[in-house]
C-alpha atoms as a PDB file:
ATOM      1  CA  MET A   1     -22.184   9.687   2.296  1.00  0.00           C
ATOM      2  CA  ALA A   2     -18.588   9.208   3.322  1.00  0.00           C
ATOM      3  CA  ASP A   3     -17.295   9.324   7.177  1.00  0.00           C
ATOM      4  CA  PRO A   4     -16.011  13.258   7.283  1.00  0.00           C
ATOM      5  CA  ARG A   5     -13.587  11.984  10.185  1.00  0.00           C
ATOM      6  CA  VAL A   6     -11.861  10.293   7.602  1.00  0.00           C
ATOM      7  CA  LEU A   7     -10.565  13.284   6.075  1.00  0.00           C
ATOM      8  CA  ASN A   8      -8.241  14.969   8.782  1.00  0.00           C
ATOM      9  CA  MET A   9      -6.120  12.547   8.624  1.00  0.00           C
ATOM     10  CA  ASP A  10      -2.831  14.741   8.289  1.00  0.00           C
ATOM     11  CA  ALA A  11      -4.002  15.327  11.800  1.00  0.00           C
ATOM     12  CA  PHE A  12      -4.821  11.996  13.258  1.00  0.00           C
ATOM     13  CA  THR A  13      -2.012  11.837  15.665  1.00  0.00           C
ATOM     14  CA  PRO A  14      -0.403  14.767  17.560  1.00  0.00           C
ATOM     15  CA  THR A  15       2.746  14.048  16.328  1.00  0.00           C
ATOM     16  CA  THR A  16       4.162  12.730  12.314  1.00  0.00           C
ATOM     17  CA  HIS A  17       7.534  12.016  11.471  1.00  0.00           C
ATOM     18  CA  THR A  18       9.153  12.081   7.926  1.00  0.00           C
ATOM     19  CA  GLY A  19      11.590   9.268   8.709  1.00  0.00           C
ATOM     20  CA  ILE A  20      11.961   5.963  10.670  1.00  0.00           C
ATOM     21  CA  THR A  21      10.954   6.103  14.019  1.00  0.00           C
ATOM     22  CA  PRO A  22      12.772   3.386  16.753  1.00  0.00           C
ATOM     23  CA  MET A  23       9.201   1.361  17.241  1.00  0.00           C
ATOM     24  CA  LEU A  24       9.384   1.396  13.115  1.00  0.00           C
ATOM     25  CA  ASP A  25      13.213   0.363  12.847  1.00  0.00           C
ATOM     26  CA  PRO A  26      13.023  -2.672  10.626  1.00  0.00           C
ATOM     27  CA  ALA A  27      15.967  -4.329  12.043  1.00  0.00           C
ATOM     28  CA  THR A  28      14.650  -4.445  15.402  1.00  0.00           C
ATOM     29  CA  ASN A  29      11.032  -5.643  14.278  1.00  0.00           C
ATOM     30  CA  HIS A  30      12.024  -9.091  13.327  1.00  0.00           C
ATOM     31  CA  LEU A  31       9.910 -11.358  11.019  1.00  0.00           C
ATOM     32  CA  LYS A  32      10.265 -15.138  11.795  1.00  0.00           C
ATOM     33  CA  ARG A  33      11.500 -17.513   9.887  1.00  0.00           C
ATOM     34  CA  PRO A  34      10.467 -18.614   7.318  1.00  0.00           C
ATOM     35  CA  PHE A  35       8.747 -15.652   6.332  1.00  0.00           C
ATOM     36  CA  THR A  36       8.027 -14.866   2.489  1.00  0.00           C
ATOM     37  CA  VAL A  37       7.088 -11.084   1.171  1.00  0.00           C
ATOM     38  CA  CYS A  38       5.812 -10.533  -2.470  1.00  0.00           C
ATOM     39  CA  VAL A  39       6.649  -6.896  -3.362  1.00  0.00           C
ATOM     40  CA  ILE A  40       4.544  -5.717  -6.553  1.00  0.00           C
ATOM     41  CA  GLY A  41       5.900  -2.506  -7.605  1.00  0.00           C
ATOM     42  CA  ALA A  42       9.429  -2.679  -5.759  1.00  0.00           C
ATOM     43  CA  SER A  43      11.129  -0.968  -8.278  1.00  0.00           C
ATOM     44  CA  GLY A  44      10.430   2.579  -7.265  1.00  0.00           C
ATOM     45  CA  ALA A  45      11.882   4.720  -4.229  1.00  0.00           C
ATOM     46  CA  ILE A  46       8.482   3.279  -2.046  1.00  0.00           C
ATOM     47  CA  GLY A  47       8.785   0.286  -3.244  1.00  0.00           C
ATOM     48  CA  ALA A  48      12.559  -0.580  -2.861  1.00  0.00           C
ATOM     49  CA  GLY A  49      12.202   0.945   0.464  1.00  0.00           C
ATOM     50  CA  VAL A  50       9.774  -1.825   1.171  1.00  0.00           C
ATOM     51  CA  ALA A  51      11.647  -4.596   0.126  1.00  0.00           C
ATOM     52  CA  GLN A  52      14.907  -2.797   1.964  1.00  0.00           C
ATOM     53  CA  SER A  53      12.527  -2.937   5.167  1.00  0.00           C
ATOM     54  CA  TYR A  54      11.468  -6.599   5.283  1.00  0.00           C
ATOM     55  CA  ALA A  55      15.038  -7.976   4.260  1.00  0.00           C
ATOM     56  CA  SER A  56      16.700  -5.674   7.312  1.00  0.00           C
ATOM     57  CA  ALA A  57      13.665  -7.622   9.328  1.00  0.00           C
ATOM     58  CA  GLY A  58      14.783 -10.876   8.297  1.00  0.00           C
ATOM     59  CA  CYS A  59      12.305 -12.292   5.860  1.00  0.00           C
ATOM     60  CA  SER A  60      13.756 -15.702   4.383  1.00  0.00           C
ATOM     61  CA  ASP A  61      12.108 -15.361   0.688  1.00  0.00           C
ATOM     62  CA  LEU A  62      11.225 -11.936  -1.359  1.00  0.00           C
ATOM     63  CA  ILE A  63       9.752 -12.282  -4.025  1.00  0.00           C
ATOM     64  CA  LEU A  64      10.170  -8.655  -6.189  1.00  0.00           C
ATOM     65  CA  ALA A  65       7.629  -8.346  -9.068  1.00  0.00           C
ATOM     66  CA  GLY A  66       7.333  -4.937 -11.552  1.00  0.00           C
ATOM     67  CA  ARG A  67       7.386  -4.128 -15.459  1.00  0.00           C
ATOM     68  CA  ASP A  68      11.318  -3.068 -15.312  1.00  0.00           C
ATOM     69  CA  LEU A  69      13.411  -6.038 -14.699  1.00  0.00           C
ATOM     70  CA  ASP A  70      16.622  -4.370 -15.146  1.00  0.00           C
ATOM     71  CA  LYS A  71      15.665  -2.134 -11.982  1.00  0.00           C
ATOM     72  CA  LEU A  72      14.110  -4.846  -9.964  1.00  0.00           C
ATOM     73  CA  SER A  73      17.681  -6.573 -10.401  1.00  0.00           C
ATOM     74  CA  ALA A  74      19.532  -3.641  -8.969  1.00  0.00           C
ATOM     75  CA  VAL A  75      16.886  -3.875  -6.161  1.00  0.00           C
ATOM     76  CA  ALA A  76      17.723  -7.454  -5.312  1.00  0.00           C
ATOM     77  CA  LYS A  77      21.612  -6.667  -5.601  1.00  0.00           C
ATOM     78  CA  SER A  78      21.546  -3.956  -2.889  1.00  0.00           C
ATOM     79  CA  LEU A  79      19.018  -6.032  -0.276  1.00  0.00           C
ATOM     80  CA  PRO A  80      21.443  -6.770   2.896  1.00  0.00           C
ATOM     81  CA  GLY A  81      21.250 -10.288   4.742  1.00  0.00           C
ATOM     82  CA  SER A  82      20.701 -13.911   3.338  1.00  0.00           C
ATOM     83  CA  ILE A  83      17.571 -14.097   1.808  1.00  0.00           C
ATOM     84  CA  SER A  84      16.154 -15.681  -1.508  1.00  0.00           C
ATOM     85  CA  THR A  85      15.051 -13.315  -4.141  1.00  0.00           C
ATOM     86  CA  HIS A  86      12.835 -14.275  -6.820  1.00  0.00           C
ATOM     87  CA  ILE A  87      12.724 -11.435  -9.374  1.00  0.00           C
ATOM     88  CA  GLN A  88       9.434 -11.962 -11.756  1.00  0.00           C
ATOM     89  CA  HIS A  89       7.747  -9.280 -14.577  1.00  0.00           C
ATOM     90  CA  CYS A  90       4.385  -7.941 -13.522  1.00  0.00           C
ATOM     91  CA  ASP A  91       1.884  -5.543 -14.752  1.00  0.00           C
ATOM     92  CA  ILE A  92      -1.368  -5.088 -12.205  1.00  0.00           C
ATOM     93  CA  ALA A  93      -3.301  -3.627 -14.999  1.00  0.00           C
ATOM     94  CA  VAL A  94      -3.531  -6.919 -17.090  1.00  0.00           C
ATOM     95  CA  ALA A  95      -4.815  -9.531 -15.371  1.00  0.00           C
ATOM     96  CA  ASP A  96      -3.037 -12.579 -16.678  1.00  0.00           C
ATOM     97  CA  SER A  97       0.269 -11.177 -15.799  1.00  0.00           C
ATOM     98  CA  VAL A  98      -0.838 -11.169 -12.165  1.00  0.00           C
ATOM     99  CA  CYS A  99      -2.393 -14.367 -12.306  1.00  0.00           C
ATOM    100  CA  ALA A 100       0.844 -15.406 -13.392  1.00  0.00           C
ATOM    101  CA  LEU A 101       2.559 -13.803 -10.908  1.00  0.00           C
ATOM    102  CA  ALA A 102       0.347 -15.770  -8.700  1.00  0.00           C
ATOM    103  CA  GLU A 103       1.136 -19.188  -9.939  1.00  0.00           C
ATOM    104  CA  PHE A 104       4.318 -18.630  -9.975  1.00  0.00           C
ATOM    105  CA  ILE A 105       4.528 -17.893  -6.218  1.00  0.00           C
ATOM    106  CA  SER A 106       2.231 -20.939  -5.622  1.00  0.00           C
ATOM    107  CA  SER A 107       5.044 -23.076  -7.262  1.00  0.00           C
ATOM    108  CA  ALA A 108       7.751 -21.312  -6.172  1.00  0.00           C
ATOM    109  CA  VAL A 109       7.615 -20.942  -2.118  1.00  0.00           C
ATOM    110  CA  PRO A 110       5.993 -22.833   0.283  1.00  0.00           C
ATOM    111  CA  SER A 111       3.874 -20.248   1.516  1.00  0.00           C
ATOM    112  CA  LEU A 112       3.055 -16.440   1.138  1.00  0.00           C
ATOM    113  CA  ASP A 113       2.635 -14.522   4.379  1.00  0.00           C
ATOM    114  CA  ALA A 114       3.384 -11.023   3.220  1.00  0.00           C
ATOM    115  CA  LEU A 115       1.514  -8.977  -0.106  1.00  0.00           C
ATOM    116  CA  VAL A 116       3.027  -5.406  -0.326  1.00  0.00           C
ATOM    117  CA  LEU A 117       1.318  -3.873  -3.341  1.00  0.00           C
ATOM    118  CA  VAL A 118       3.332  -0.554  -4.094  1.00  0.00           C
ATOM    119  CA  SER A 119       2.483  -0.361  -7.893  1.00  0.00           C
ATOM    120  CA  GLY A 120       0.111   3.180  -8.712  1.00  0.00           C
ATOM    121  CA  ILE A 121       0.770   6.038 -11.450  1.00  0.00           C
ATOM    122  CA  SER A 122      -0.737   9.479 -11.178  1.00  0.00           C
ATOM    123  CA  GLY A 123      -0.652  10.619 -14.852  1.00  0.00           C
ATOM    124  CA  ALA A 124      -0.600  14.265 -15.809  1.00  0.00           C
ATOM    125  CA  VAL A 125      -2.682  16.856 -13.314  1.00  0.00           C
ATOM    126  CA  GLU A 126      -5.901  17.670 -13.839  1.00  0.00           C
ATOM    127  CA  LEU A 127      -7.452  19.640 -11.468  1.00  0.00           C
ATOM    128  CA  ARG A 128     -11.229  19.618 -13.165  1.00  0.00           C
ATOM    129  CA  ILE A 129     -12.781  17.278 -14.231  1.00  0.00           C
ATOM    130  CA  THR A 130     -13.270  19.279 -17.516  1.00  0.00           C
ATOM    131  CA  ASP A 131      -9.899  18.838 -17.990  1.00  0.00           C
ATOM    132  CA  GLY A 132      -8.030  16.872 -20.270  1.00  0.00           C
ATOM    133  CA  SER A 133      -9.839  14.665 -22.883  1.00  0.00           C
ATOM    134  CA  PRO A 134     -11.529  11.449 -23.213  1.00  0.00           C
ATOM    135  CA  ALA A 135      -9.642  10.693 -26.150  1.00  0.00           C
ATOM    136  CA  ASP A 136      -6.047  10.521 -24.565  1.00  0.00           C
ATOM    137  CA  GLY A 137      -6.365   7.549 -22.609  1.00  0.00           C
ATOM    138  CA  GLY A 138      -5.600   8.994 -18.950  1.00  0.00           C
ATOM    139  CA  TRP A 139      -8.469   8.060 -16.890  1.00  0.00           C
ATOM    140  CA  ALA A 140      -8.406   4.423 -18.191  1.00  0.00           C
ATOM    141  CA  GLN A 141      -4.801   4.080 -17.618  1.00  0.00           C
ATOM    142  CA  VAL A 142      -4.988   5.454 -13.986  1.00  0.00           C
ATOM    143  CA  PHE A 143      -7.886   2.985 -13.231  1.00  0.00           C
ATOM    144  CA  GLY A 144      -6.719   0.490 -14.951  1.00  0.00           C
ATOM    145  CA  THR A 145      -3.548   0.571 -12.711  1.00  0.00           C
ATOM    146  CA  ASN A 146      -4.831   1.792  -9.469  1.00  0.00           C
ATOM    147  CA  THR A 147      -8.302   0.417  -8.946  1.00  0.00           C
ATOM    148  CA  LEU A 148      -8.568  -2.447 -11.733  1.00  0.00           C
ATOM    149  CA  GLY A 149      -5.048  -3.349 -10.986  1.00  0.00           C
ATOM    150  CA  THR A 150      -5.402  -3.924  -6.907  1.00  0.00           C
ATOM    151  CA  TYR A 151      -9.193  -5.388  -7.891  1.00  0.00           C
ATOM    152  CA  HIS A 152      -6.392  -7.881  -9.983  1.00  0.00           C
ATOM    153  CA  VAL A 153      -3.919  -8.458  -6.993  1.00  0.00           C
ATOM    154  CA  ALA A 154      -6.991  -9.170  -4.467  1.00  0.00           C
ATOM    155  CA  HIS A 155      -8.255 -11.821  -6.453  1.00  0.00           C
ATOM    156  CA  TYR A 156      -5.537 -13.492  -7.299  1.00  0.00           C
ATOM    157  CA  PHE A 157      -3.508 -13.111  -4.065  1.00  0.00           C
ATOM    158  CA  VAL A 158      -6.341 -13.257  -1.583  1.00  0.00           C
ATOM    159  CA  PRO A 159      -6.347 -16.877  -1.944  1.00  0.00           C
ATOM    160  CA  LEU A 160      -2.555 -17.529  -1.373  1.00  0.00           C
ATOM    161  CA  LEU A 161      -2.705 -15.608   1.433  1.00  0.00           C
ATOM    162  CA  LEU A 162      -5.341 -17.881   3.567  1.00  0.00           C
ATOM    163  CA  LYS A 163      -2.940 -20.734   3.172  1.00  0.00           C
ATOM    164  CA  SER A 164      -0.102 -19.140   5.540  1.00  0.00           C
ATOM    165  CA  GLU A 165      -0.608 -18.173   9.192  1.00  0.00           C
ATOM    166  CA  THR A 166       0.157 -14.229   8.884  1.00  0.00           C
ATOM    167  CA  ARG A 167      -2.097 -13.447   5.940  1.00  0.00           C
ATOM    168  CA  ALA A 168      -1.285  -9.870   5.642  1.00  0.00           C
ATOM    169  CA  PHE A 169      -3.156  -7.383   2.129  1.00  0.00           C
ATOM    170  CA  MET A 170      -0.833  -4.514   2.500  1.00  0.00           C
ATOM    171  CA  VAL A 171      -1.585  -1.781  -0.443  1.00  0.00           C
ATOM    172  CA  VAL A 172       0.257   1.780  -0.606  1.00  0.00           C
ATOM    173  CA  GLY A 173      -2.782   4.001  -0.722  1.00  0.00           C
ATOM    174  CA  SER A 174      -2.685   7.838  -0.491  1.00  0.00           C
ATOM    175  CA  ILE A 175      -4.299  10.512   1.506  1.00  0.00           C
ATOM    176  CA  ALA A 176      -5.229  12.096  -2.147  1.00  0.00           C
ATOM    177  CA  ALA A 177      -8.481   9.792  -1.723  1.00  0.00           C
ATOM    178  CA  CYS A 178      -9.834  12.100   0.680  1.00  0.00           C
ATOM    179  CA  ILE A 179      -9.154  15.116  -1.104  1.00  0.00           C
ATOM    180  CA  THR A 180     -11.400  16.618  -4.024  1.00  0.00           C
ATOM    181  CA  LYS A 181      -9.796  20.233  -4.219  1.00  0.00           C
ATOM    182  CA  GLY A 182      -6.362  22.013  -4.263  1.00  0.00           C
ATOM    183  CA  ILE A 183      -3.384  22.437  -5.708  1.00  0.00           C
ATOM    184  CA  ILE A 184      -2.623  18.297  -5.582  1.00  0.00           C
ATOM    185  CA  ALA A 185      -6.564  17.420  -6.079  1.00  0.00           C
ATOM    186  CA  ASN A 186      -5.607  15.351  -9.495  1.00  0.00           C
ATOM    187  CA  THR A 187      -9.241  14.280  -9.685  1.00  0.00           C
ATOM    188  CA  LYS A 188      -8.929  10.536 -11.748  1.00  0.00           C
ATOM    189  CA  TYR A 189      -5.805   9.866  -9.630  1.00  0.00           C
ATOM    190  CA  CYS A 190      -7.793  10.965  -6.391  1.00  0.00           C
ATOM    191  CA  VAL A 191     -11.131   9.153  -7.205  1.00  0.00           C
ATOM    192  CA  SER A 192      -8.781   6.309  -8.164  1.00  0.00           C
ATOM    193  CA  LYS A 193      -7.576   6.186  -4.964  1.00  0.00           C
ATOM    194  CA  PHE A 194     -10.546   6.515  -3.392  1.00  0.00           C
ATOM    195  CA  ALA A 195     -12.084   3.359  -5.275  1.00  0.00           C
ATOM    196  CA  GLN A 196      -8.408   1.520  -4.067  1.00  0.00           C
ATOM    197  CA  ALA A 197      -9.195   2.282  -0.599  1.00  0.00           C
ATOM    198  CA  ARG A 198     -12.405   0.770  -0.921  1.00  0.00           C
ATOM    199  CA  ILE A 199     -11.493  -2.391  -2.586  1.00  0.00           C
ATOM    200  CA  VAL A 200      -9.426  -2.688   0.331  1.00  0.00           C
ATOM    201  CA  GLU A 201     -12.464  -1.956   2.627  1.00  0.00           C
ATOM    202  CA  SER A 202     -13.843  -4.603   0.913  1.00  0.00           C
ATOM    203  CA  VAL A 203     -11.491  -7.170   1.159  1.00  0.00           C
ATOM    204  CA  ALA A 204     -11.389  -6.702   4.892  1.00  0.00           C
ATOM    205  CA  ALA A 205     -15.386  -7.401   5.579  1.00  0.00           C
ATOM    206  CA  GLN A 206     -15.141 -10.026   3.485  1.00  0.00           C
ATOM    207  CA  PHE A 207     -12.613 -11.894   4.717  1.00  0.00           C
ATOM    208  CA  SER A 208     -11.262 -10.968   8.380  1.00  0.00           C
ATOM    209  CA  ASP A 209     -13.176 -13.849  10.131  1.00  0.00           C
ATOM    210  CA  GLU A 210     -10.508 -16.200   7.998  1.00  0.00           C
ATOM    211  CA  GLY A 211      -7.835 -14.416   9.457  1.00  0.00           C
ATOM    212  CA  LEU A 212      -6.667 -11.777   6.300  1.00  0.00           C
ATOM    213  CA  LEU A 213      -5.553  -8.392   8.030  1.00  0.00           C
ATOM    214  CA  ALA A 214      -5.985  -5.733   5.386  1.00  0.00           C
ATOM    215  CA  VAL A 215      -4.923  -2.583   5.024  1.00  0.00           C
ATOM    216  CA  SER A 216      -4.810   0.689   2.892  1.00  0.00           C
ATOM    217  CA  VAL A 217      -0.500   2.670   3.985  1.00  0.00           C
ATOM    218  CA  HIS A 218      -0.073   6.778   2.703  1.00  0.00           C
ATOM    219  CA  PRO A 219       3.263   6.660   2.512  1.00  0.00           C
ATOM    220  CA  GLY A 220       3.928  10.079   2.963  1.00  0.00           C
ATOM    221  CA  ALA A 221       4.947  12.931   0.508  1.00  0.00           C
ATOM    222  CA  VAL A 222       8.114  11.357  -1.159  1.00  0.00           C
ATOM    223  CA  GLU A 223      10.129  12.191  -3.916  1.00  0.00           C
ATOM    224  CA  SER A 224       9.659   9.591  -6.445  1.00  0.00           C
ATOM    225  CA  ALA A 225       9.861   9.937  -9.859  1.00  0.00           C
ATOM    226  CA  ASN A 226       6.419   9.422 -10.556  1.00  0.00           C
ATOM    227  CA  ALA A 227       5.408  12.683  -7.888  1.00  0.00           C
ATOM    228  CA  VAL A 228       8.489  14.733  -9.596  1.00  0.00           C
ATOM    229  CA  ALA A 229       7.448  14.119 -12.786  1.00  0.00           C
ATOM    230  CA  ASN A 230       3.544  14.911 -12.307  1.00  0.00           C
ATOM    231  CA  ALA A 231       3.189  16.568  -9.005  1.00  0.00           C
ATOM    232  CA  PRO A 232       2.754  20.948  -9.762  1.00  0.00           C
ATOM    233  CA  ALA A 233       5.862  22.508  -8.769  1.00  0.00           C
ATOM    234  CA  GLU A 234       4.480  24.909  -5.791  1.00  0.00           C
ATOM    235  CA  PHE A 235       4.114  21.275  -4.148  1.00  0.00           C
ATOM    236  CA  ARG A 236       7.428  19.585  -4.625  1.00  0.00           C
ATOM    237  CA  LYS A 237       9.205  21.529  -1.664  1.00  0.00           C
ATOM    238  CA  TYR A 238       6.427  18.983   0.947  1.00  0.00           C
ATOM    239  CA  LEU A 239       8.279  16.159  -1.236  1.00  0.00           C
ATOM    240  CA  THR A 240      10.317  15.597   1.789  1.00  0.00           C
ATOM    241  CA  ASP A 241       9.696  12.051   3.372  1.00  0.00           C
ATOM    242  CA  ASP A 242      11.892   8.819   3.251  1.00  0.00           C
ATOM    243  CA  PRO A 243      11.064   6.576   1.096  1.00  0.00           C
ATOM    244  CA  ASP A 244      11.812   4.029   3.222  1.00  0.00           C
ATOM    245  CA  LEU A 245       9.312   4.974   6.062  1.00  0.00           C
ATOM    246  CA  CYS A 246       6.277   3.128   3.958  1.00  0.00           C
ATOM    247  CA  GLY A 247       8.418  -0.027   4.248  1.00  0.00           C
ATOM    248  CA  ALA A 248       9.050   0.268   7.888  1.00  0.00           C
ATOM    249  CA  PHE A 249       5.514   0.797   9.052  1.00  0.00           C
ATOM    250  CA  CYS A 250       4.480  -2.256   7.087  1.00  0.00           C
ATOM    251  CA  VAL A 251       7.050  -4.851   8.726  1.00  0.00           C
ATOM    252  CA  TRP A 252       5.994  -3.200  11.536  1.00  0.00           C
ATOM    253  CA  ILE A 253       2.209  -4.208  10.947  1.00  0.00           C
ATOM    254  CA  THR A 254       3.039  -7.595   9.306  1.00  0.00           C
ATOM    255  CA  GLN A 255       5.744  -8.539  11.926  1.00  0.00           C
ATOM    256  CA  ASP A 256       2.551  -9.928  13.718  1.00  0.00           C
ATOM    257  CA  PRO A 257      -1.137  -9.439  12.276  1.00  0.00           C
ATOM    258  CA  SER A 258      -2.889 -10.905  14.879  1.00  0.00           C
ATOM    259  CA  ARG A 259      -2.038  -7.412  16.603  1.00  0.00           C
ATOM    260  CA  PHE A 260      -3.365  -5.015  14.246  1.00  0.00           C
ATOM    261  CA  ARG A 261      -6.535  -6.848  12.938  1.00  0.00           C
ATOM    262  CA  TRP A 262      -8.369  -3.890  14.478  1.00  0.00           C
ATOM    263  CA  LEU A 263      -6.363  -1.807  11.560  1.00  0.00           C
ATOM    264  CA  SER A 264      -8.037  -3.939   8.850  1.00  0.00           C
ATOM    265  CA  GLY A 265      -9.764  -2.254   6.169  1.00  0.00           C
ATOM    266  CA  ARG A 266      -8.755   1.469   6.851  1.00  0.00           C
ATOM    267  CA  LEU A 267      -6.776   3.790   5.647  1.00  0.00           C
ATOM    268  CA  VAL A 268      -3.848   4.791   7.535  1.00  0.00           C
ATOM    269  CA  SER A 269      -0.642   6.649   7.471  1.00  0.00           C
ATOM    270  CA  ALA A 270       3.144   5.867   7.823  1.00  0.00           C
ATOM    271  CA  THR A 271       4.187   9.422   8.896  1.00  0.00           C
ATOM    272  CA  TRP A 272       1.745   8.945  12.027  1.00  0.00           C
ATOM    273  CA  ASP A 273       3.794   8.420  15.575  1.00  0.00           C
ATOM    274  CA  PRO A 274       2.639   4.640  16.068  1.00  0.00           C
ATOM    275  CA  GLU A 275       2.817   4.907  19.535  1.00  0.00           C
ATOM    276  CA  GLU A 276       0.108   7.552  19.515  1.00  0.00           C
ATOM    277  CA  LEU A 277      -2.029   5.695  17.087  1.00  0.00           C
ATOM    278  CA  LEU A 278      -1.979   2.384  19.210  1.00  0.00           C
ATOM    279  CA  ALA A 279      -3.017   5.043  21.985  1.00  0.00           C
ATOM    280  CA  ARG A 280      -6.156   5.541  19.971  1.00  0.00           C
ATOM    281  CA  LYS A 281      -6.941   2.349  19.011  1.00  0.00           C
ATOM    282  CA  ASP A 282     -10.131   2.045  21.116  1.00  0.00           C
ATOM    283  CA  GLU A 283     -11.299   5.322  19.642  1.00  0.00           C
ATOM    284  CA  ILE A 284     -10.781   3.827  16.330  1.00  0.00           C
ATOM    285  CA  VAL A 285     -12.640   0.391  16.724  1.00  0.00           C
ATOM    286  CA  LYS A 286     -15.328   2.347  18.738  1.00  0.00           C
ATOM    287  CA  GLY A 287     -16.209   5.232  16.372  1.00  0.00           C
ATOM    288  CA  ASP A 288     -15.100   2.670  13.107  1.00  0.00           C
ATOM    289  CA  LEU A 289     -12.868   5.422  12.152  1.00  0.00           C
ATOM    290  CA  LEU A 290     -10.474   5.492   8.938  1.00  0.00           C
ATOM    291  CA  LYS A 291     -12.636   4.060   6.714  1.00  0.00           C
ATOM    292  CA  PHE A 292     -15.076   5.201   3.980  1.00  0.00           C
ATOM    293  CA  GLU A 293     -18.601   3.672   4.948  1.00  0.00           C
ATOM    294  CA  ALA A 294     -21.643   4.191   4.039  1.00  0.00           C
ATOM    295  CA  ARG A 295     -24.523   6.156   6.564  1.00  0.00           C
ATOM    296  CA  THR A 296     -27.498   4.479   6.079  1.00  0.00           C
ATOM    297  CA  THR A 297     -30.730   3.319   7.506  1.00  0.00           C
ATOM    298  CA  LEU A 298     -31.171   0.256   5.843  1.00  0.00           C
ATOM    299  CA  ASP A 299     -30.724  -3.141   7.042  1.00  0.00           C
ATOM    300  CA  GLN A 300     -28.583  -4.771   4.791  1.00  0.00           C
END
C-alpha cells in the first residue's frame, strides 16, 4: 500500500508560506552561466512564474514551450535581464510534438540543464467515479496530458538532461495525488497526478545513479485560469498562493542539484518553509518519506 506518511503533506513543515521567502528569492539564487532551462507550459500563471524566476536568477537560455504561441510571446517580452529566449509549440499529449521540441533544443543550445514541466489539466470536477460519462472523453484527456504527457516528456528529455552537468527534471505535481475524497477530490485529476508522481519516482530510481535529480513540486493553491474554471466555488477563497512561488522553489533546488539529490523521486510543496524542510533531511532520507512506495516482503 502507499506509504501513509505522504498523506499529511500540508503539515510537513510547521511553517508554510504563500509567497517567496528570502531563501527562495531567485534574484539572490544566482545560476551558473551558461544555464539553459526549458519550461513546458510557460503560458499560464504558474508557468510564467517559473520563467520569471529563472530569468531573475540569471539563466542564459530559456525555452518557453506550450500550445499558445501568442501567450508565450507575451511572457517572453515580460522577462527581465539579458536572456536568449526561444518560443516553441508543444502539446505534451502528442509524442511527436514532444519529440520535435527535444530535437529543436538539441540543435539550438549546447546543453539542457533543467526541464520544468508545468503543463496539466484538471477537467470538470467529478467527485465520484460514477459521475460523468466515459463517452465524454474527460478521463482520456486528463490522463493524456497529466500522465501520458509526463511520460512523453521524460522519454525524450531525460537523455538530453543526462548530457549536462546540472541534470534537473522538475515536474509541477499536486498534493491532489494524495487525496481520494472531499470537495476538491476530482477523481480523474487526483488519480492522474498520483500516476504522474509515480513516473517521477521511477525516473529518479532509474537515473539517480547517473546524476539526474527528479522532483515533483506542488505549487500551492494558485488562482490560475484552470483553477478558476474548475475549482468548486467554496474552494476558490483558498486560491491565495503566489503564482511565482513554484518557480522560485524550482530555482532554489536546481541552482545546485547536487545539494538536493536526497529529494529525488519525492513529492514536495513549494509552500513549505525551506529551512524547516532542510532540517528534516535526515528523517526524510532514513524513512524514505514523501513517496508513494509499495510495502512488500518480496525480494525484487
